C-alpha atoms as a PDB file:
ATOM      1  CA  MET A   1       4.643-178.947 102.154  1.00  0.00           C
ATOM      2  CA  ASP A   2       2.240-180.642  99.781  1.00  0.00           C
ATOM      3  CA  GLY A   3      -0.486-183.099 100.761  1.00  0.00           C
ATOM      4  CA  VAL A   4       1.568-186.202  99.994  1.00  0.00           C
ATOM      5  CA  GLY A   5       4.511-184.979 102.077  1.00  0.00           C
ATOM      6  CA  LEU A   6       2.226-184.147 104.991  1.00  0.00           C
ATOM      7  CA  PHE A   7       0.615-187.577 104.759  1.00  0.00           C
ATOM      8  CA  ALA A   8       4.048-189.254 104.684  1.00  0.00           C
ATOM      9  CA  ALA A   9       5.197-187.265 107.726  1.00  0.00           C
ATOM     10  CA  LEU A  10       2.017-188.159 109.615  1.00  0.00           C
ATOM     11  CA  ALA A  11       2.363-191.833 108.681  1.00  0.00           C
ATOM     12  CA  ALA A  12       6.015-191.852 109.821  1.00  0.00           C
ATOM     13  CA  PHE A  13       4.999-190.245 113.123  1.00  0.00           C
ATOM     14  CA  ILE A  14       2.260-192.824 113.680  1.00  0.00           C
ATOM     15  CA  VAL A  15       4.593-195.730 112.861  1.00  0.00           C
ATOM     16  CA  ALA A  16       7.304-194.360 115.175  1.00  0.00           C
ATOM     17  CA  PHE A  17       4.805-193.790 117.975  1.00  0.00           C
ATOM     18  CA  GLY A  18       3.435-197.324 117.517  1.00  0.00           C
ATOM     19  CA  CYS A  19       6.925-198.832 117.604  1.00  0.00           C
ATOM     20  CA  ILE A  20       7.734-196.975 120.809  1.00  0.00           C
ATOM     21  CA  GLY A  21       4.481-198.255 122.331  1.00  0.00           C
ATOM     22  CA  ILE A  22       5.297-201.843 121.379  1.00  0.00           C
ATOM     23  CA  ILE A  23       8.806-201.543 122.819  1.00  0.00           C
ATOM     24  CA  LEU A  24       7.468-200.123 126.102  1.00  0.00           C
ATOM     25  CA  TYR A  25       4.884-202.935 126.284  1.00  0.00           C
ATOM     26  CA  ILE A  26       7.596-205.567 125.766  1.00  0.00           C
ATOM     27  CA  VAL A  27       9.799-203.978 128.450  1.00  0.00           C
ATOM     28  CA  THR A  28       6.828-203.907 130.837  1.00  0.00           C
ATOM     29  CA  VAL A  29       6.029-207.569 130.140  1.00  0.00           C
ATOM     30  CA  VAL A  30       9.655-208.568 130.790  1.00  0.00           C
ATOM     31  CA  GLY A  31       9.552-206.789 134.154  1.00  0.00           C
ATOM     32  CA  MET A  32       6.154-208.277 134.985  1.00  0.00           C
ATOM     33  CA  PHE A  33       7.404-211.750 134.008  1.00  0.00           C
ATOM     34  CA  LYS A  34      10.213-211.543 136.575  1.00  0.00           C
ATOM     35  CA  THR A  35       7.884-209.946 139.143  1.00  0.00           C
ATOM     36  CA  PHE A  36       5.390-212.764 138.670  1.00  0.00           C
ATOM     37  CA  GLU A  37       8.138-215.333 139.207  1.00  0.00           C
ATOM     38  CA  LYS A  38       9.030-213.628 142.509  1.00  0.00           C
ATOM     39  CA  MET A  39       5.381-213.960 143.526  1.00  0.00           C
ATOM     40  CA  ASN A  40       5.164-217.656 142.536  1.00  0.00           C
ATOM     41  CA  ILE A  41       2.892-216.898 139.578  1.00  0.00           C
ATOM     42  CA  GLU A  42       3.649-218.467 136.214  1.00  0.00           C
ATOM     43  CA  GLY A  43       5.547-215.883 134.179  1.00  0.00           C
ATOM     44  CA  TRP A  44       3.601-216.482 130.971  1.00  0.00           C
ATOM     45  CA  LYS A  45       0.553-214.870 132.589  1.00  0.00           C
ATOM     46  CA  ALA A  46       2.306-211.506 132.282  1.00  0.00           C
ATOM     47  CA  ILE A  47       1.945-211.594 128.503  1.00  0.00           C
ATOM     48  CA  ILE A  48      -1.872-211.495 128.331  1.00  0.00           C
ATOM     49  CA  PRO A  49      -3.022-207.881 128.938  1.00  0.00           C
ATOM     50  CA  ILE A  50      -6.153-208.144 131.107  1.00  0.00           C
ATOM     51  CA  TYR A  51      -5.328-211.550 132.570  1.00  0.00           C
ATOM     52  CA  ASN A  52      -2.004-210.262 133.907  1.00  0.00           C
ATOM     53  CA  ASP A  53      -3.797-207.676 136.035  1.00  0.00           C
ATOM     54  CA  TYR A  54      -6.228-210.317 137.290  1.00  0.00           C
ATOM     55  CA  SER A  55      -3.365-212.697 138.183  1.00  0.00           C
ATOM     56  CA  LEU A  56      -1.498-209.899 139.933  1.00  0.00           C
ATOM     57  CA  ALA A  57      -4.621-208.832 141.826  1.00  0.00           C
ATOM     58  CA  GLU A  58      -5.022-212.347 143.226  1.00  0.00           C
ATOM     59  CA  LYS A  59      -1.753-211.803 145.090  1.00  0.00           C
ATOM     60  CA  VAL A  60      -1.889-208.093 146.009  1.00  0.00           C
ATOM     61  CA  TRP A  61      -5.493-206.889 146.084  1.00  0.00           C
ATOM     62  CA  VAL A  62      -8.908-208.392 145.280  1.00  0.00           C
ATOM     63  CA  PRO A  63      -9.344-209.735 141.725  1.00  0.00           C
ATOM     64  CA  ASN A  64     -12.977-208.625 141.529  1.00  0.00           C
ATOM     65  CA  TYR A  65     -11.941-204.959 141.745  1.00  0.00           C
ATOM     66  CA  VAL A  66      -9.682-205.386 138.741  1.00  0.00           C
ATOM     67  CA  ILE A  67     -12.536-206.938 136.783  1.00  0.00           C
ATOM     68  CA  PHE A  68     -14.716-203.926 137.700  1.00  0.00           C
ATOM     69  CA  PHE A  69     -12.260-201.350 136.423  1.00  0.00           C
ATOM     70  CA  TRP A  70     -11.508-203.270 133.223  1.00  0.00           C
ATOM     71  CA  VAL A  71     -15.232-203.680 132.501  1.00  0.00           C
ATOM     72  CA  ALA A  72     -15.755-199.965 133.205  1.00  0.00           C
ATOM     73  CA  ALA A  73     -12.905-199.050 130.839  1.00  0.00           C
ATOM     74  CA  LEU A  74     -14.175-201.314 128.060  1.00  0.00           C
ATOM     75  CA  VAL A  75     -17.792-200.136 128.420  1.00  0.00           C
ATOM     76  CA  ASN A  76     -16.594-196.534 128.375  1.00  0.00           C
ATOM     77  CA  ASN A  77     -14.535-197.062 125.207  1.00  0.00           C
ATOM     78  CA  PHE A  78     -16.905-199.201 123.182  1.00  0.00           C
ATOM     79  CA  VAL A  79     -20.400-198.198 124.370  1.00  0.00           C
ATOM     80  CA  VAL A  80     -20.488-194.840 126.121  1.00  0.00           C
ATOM     81  CA  SER A  81     -17.953-192.967 124.004  1.00  0.00           C
ATOM     82  CA  PRO A  82     -19.604-193.653 120.618  1.00  0.00           C
ATOM     83  CA  ILE A  83     -23.035-192.703 121.972  1.00  0.00           C
ATOM     84  CA  SER A  84     -21.676-189.496 123.508  1.00  0.00           C
ATOM     85  CA  LYS A  85     -20.632-188.341 120.027  1.00  0.00           C
ATOM     86  CA  VAL A  86     -24.298-188.207 118.951  1.00  0.00           C
ATOM     87  CA  GLY A  87     -24.686-184.743 120.420  1.00  0.00           C
ATOM     88  CA  GLY A  88     -27.656-183.107 122.030  1.00  0.00           C
ATOM     89  CA  LEU A  89     -28.990-184.005 125.462  1.00  0.00           C
ATOM     90  CA  VAL A  90     -28.404-187.747 125.097  1.00  0.00           C
ATOM     91  CA  GLY A  91     -24.849-187.214 123.907  1.00  0.00           C
ATOM     92  CA  GLY A  92     -24.171-184.813 126.765  1.00  0.00           C
ATOM     93  CA  LEU A  93     -25.517-187.242 129.350  1.00  0.00           C
ATOM     94  CA  PHE A  94     -23.427-190.076 127.937  1.00  0.00           C
ATOM     95  CA  ALA A  95     -20.377-187.796 127.919  1.00  0.00           C
ATOM     96  CA  LEU A  96     -20.981-187.170 131.629  1.00  0.00           C
ATOM     97  CA  VAL A  97     -21.333-190.912 132.267  1.00  0.00           C
ATOM     98  CA  GLY A  98     -18.110-191.468 130.322  1.00  0.00           C
ATOM     99  CA  PHE A  99     -16.307-188.888 132.451  1.00  0.00           C
ATOM    100  CA  VAL A 100     -17.488-190.564 135.652  1.00  0.00           C
ATOM    101  CA  LEU A 101     -16.368-193.968 134.346  1.00  0.00           C
ATOM    102  CA  LEU A 102     -12.979-192.503 133.421  1.00  0.00           C
ATOM    103  CA  ILE A 103     -12.522-191.093 136.928  1.00  0.00           C
ATOM    104  CA  PHE A 104     -13.520-194.482 138.391  1.00  0.00           C
ATOM    105  CA  VAL A 105     -10.973-196.306 136.214  1.00  0.00           C
ATOM    106  CA  ILE A 106      -8.186-193.860 137.115  1.00  0.00           C
ATOM    107  CA  VAL A 107      -8.890-194.094 140.856  1.00  0.00           C
ATOM    108  CA  ALA A 108      -9.183-197.895 140.777  1.00  0.00           C
ATOM    109  CA  ARG A 109      -5.953-198.226 138.773  1.00  0.00           C
ATOM    110  CA  ALA A 110      -4.164-195.916 141.203  1.00  0.00           C
ATOM    111  CA  ARG A 111      -5.331-198.005 144.158  1.00  0.00           C
ATOM    112  CA  PHE A 112      -4.215-201.176 142.370  1.00  0.00           C
ATOM    113  CA  CYS A 113      -0.756-199.678 141.854  1.00  0.00           C
ATOM    114  CA  TYR A 114      -0.682-198.699 145.522  1.00  0.00           C
ATOM    115  CA  TRP A 115      -1.372-202.261 146.671  1.00  0.00           C
ATOM    116  CA  ILE A 116       1.227-203.644 144.265  1.00  0.00           C
ATOM    117  CA  SER A 117       3.821-201.308 145.753  1.00  0.00           C
ATOM    118  CA  LYS A 118       2.770-202.169 149.327  1.00  0.00           C
ATOM    119  CA  ALA A 119       3.090-205.894 148.544  1.00  0.00           C
ATOM    120  CA  PHE A 120       6.771-205.291 147.814  1.00  0.00           C
ATOM    121  CA  GLY A 121       7.430-202.944 150.739  1.00  0.00           C
ATOM    122  CA  TYR A 122       7.249-199.671 148.806  1.00  0.00           C
ATOM    123  CA  ASP A 123       4.938-196.742 149.430  1.00  0.00           C
ATOM    124  CA  VAL A 124       3.000-194.031 147.580  1.00  0.00           C
ATOM    125  CA  GLY A 125       5.935-192.715 145.541  1.00  0.00           C
ATOM    126  CA  PHE A 126       6.573-196.100 143.979  1.00  0.00           C
ATOM    127  CA  ALA A 127       2.827-196.518 143.394  1.00  0.00           C
ATOM    128  CA  ALA A 128       2.897-193.269 141.395  1.00  0.00           C
ATOM    129  CA  GLY A 129       5.779-194.692 139.417  1.00  0.00           C
ATOM    130  CA  LEU A 130       3.792-197.866 138.721  1.00  0.00           C
ATOM    131  CA  PHE A 131       0.869-195.740 137.561  1.00  0.00           C
ATOM    132  CA  PHE A 132       2.806-193.406 135.267  1.00  0.00           C
ATOM    133  CA  ALA A 133       5.845-195.507 134.259  1.00  0.00           C
ATOM    134  CA  PRO A 134       5.118-199.219 134.729  1.00  0.00           C
ATOM    135  CA  PHE A 135       7.835-200.098 132.212  1.00  0.00           C
ATOM    136  CA  VAL A 136      10.444-198.806 134.686  1.00  0.00           C
ATOM    137  CA  CYS A 137       8.869-199.889 137.962  1.00  0.00           C
ATOM    138  CA  PHE A 138       8.128-203.470 136.957  1.00  0.00           C
ATOM    139  CA  LEU A 139      11.768-203.815 135.929  1.00  0.00           C
ATOM    140  CA  ILE A 140      12.738-202.557 139.395  1.00  0.00           C
ATOM    141  CA  LEU A 141      10.370-205.032 141.057  1.00  0.00           C
ATOM    142  CA  GLY A 142      11.385-207.942 138.853  1.00  0.00           C
ATOM    143  CA  PHE A 143      15.132-207.493 138.736  1.00  0.00           C
ATOM    144  CA  GLY A 144      15.711-205.523 141.958  1.00  0.00           C
ATOM    145  CA  GLU A 145      16.146-206.578 145.554  1.00  0.00           C
ATOM    146  CA  ALA A 146      12.473-206.131 146.530  1.00  0.00           C
ATOM    147  CA  GLN A 147      10.800-209.259 147.859  1.00  0.00           C
ATOM    148  CA  TYR A 148       7.108-210.087 147.772  1.00  0.00           C
ATOM    149  CA  GLN A 149       5.682-209.643 151.285  1.00  0.00           C
ATOM    150  CA  GLY A 150       2.183-210.994 150.770  1.00  0.00           C
ATOM    151  CA  ASN A 151      -1.226-209.462 150.233  1.00  0.00           C
ATOM    152  CA  VAL A 152      -0.999-206.422 152.497  1.00  0.00           C
ATOM    153  CA  PHE A 153      -4.558-205.415 151.569  1.00  0.00           C
ATOM    154  CA  LYS A 154      -6.065-208.634 152.961  1.00  0.00           C
ATOM    155  CA  ASP A 155      -3.527-209.115 155.781  1.00  0.00           C
ATOM    156  CA  THR A 156      -3.942-205.686 157.359  1.00  0.00           C
ATOM    157  CA  GLY A 157      -7.586-205.052 156.529  1.00  0.00           C
ATOM    158  CA  LEU A 158      -6.620-201.508 155.522  1.00  0.00           C
ATOM    159  CA  GLN A 159      -8.677-199.947 152.768  1.00  0.00           C
ATOM    160  CA  TYR A 160      -6.281-197.092 151.901  1.00  0.00           C
END
């Protein structure tokens, strides 16, 4: 395969992967829209990426926690990651900081998914589904029989 053919194949792969990502995002937003309506949140808030998590957290968790993990993710992507590519001691230290921020974001997102699932009467298995396949689970929440049961995190005082 010559260079042009390889470039064309790579470009086709990137376009296909991007289209699949857009389709999954649209499916997720449709499910979130219906889920938001069940929770008495305006459905349009599901369209805006960071704001939808904040709006959802107002009903199922604590919105400040969502702000923390989004800020950590953005700082990791746009500040820590470029500096970690410098190399040497400074780059290594920033790579370690980036790893810690990544672990924080993953744990916080997993807890957020857990409290979403608890707010609809589901448990850890559904929270794992929300974490790994939100495009399926939000459709289940939005179009299924599950009813919003309130902010279980604040009502019970449970932390886990």
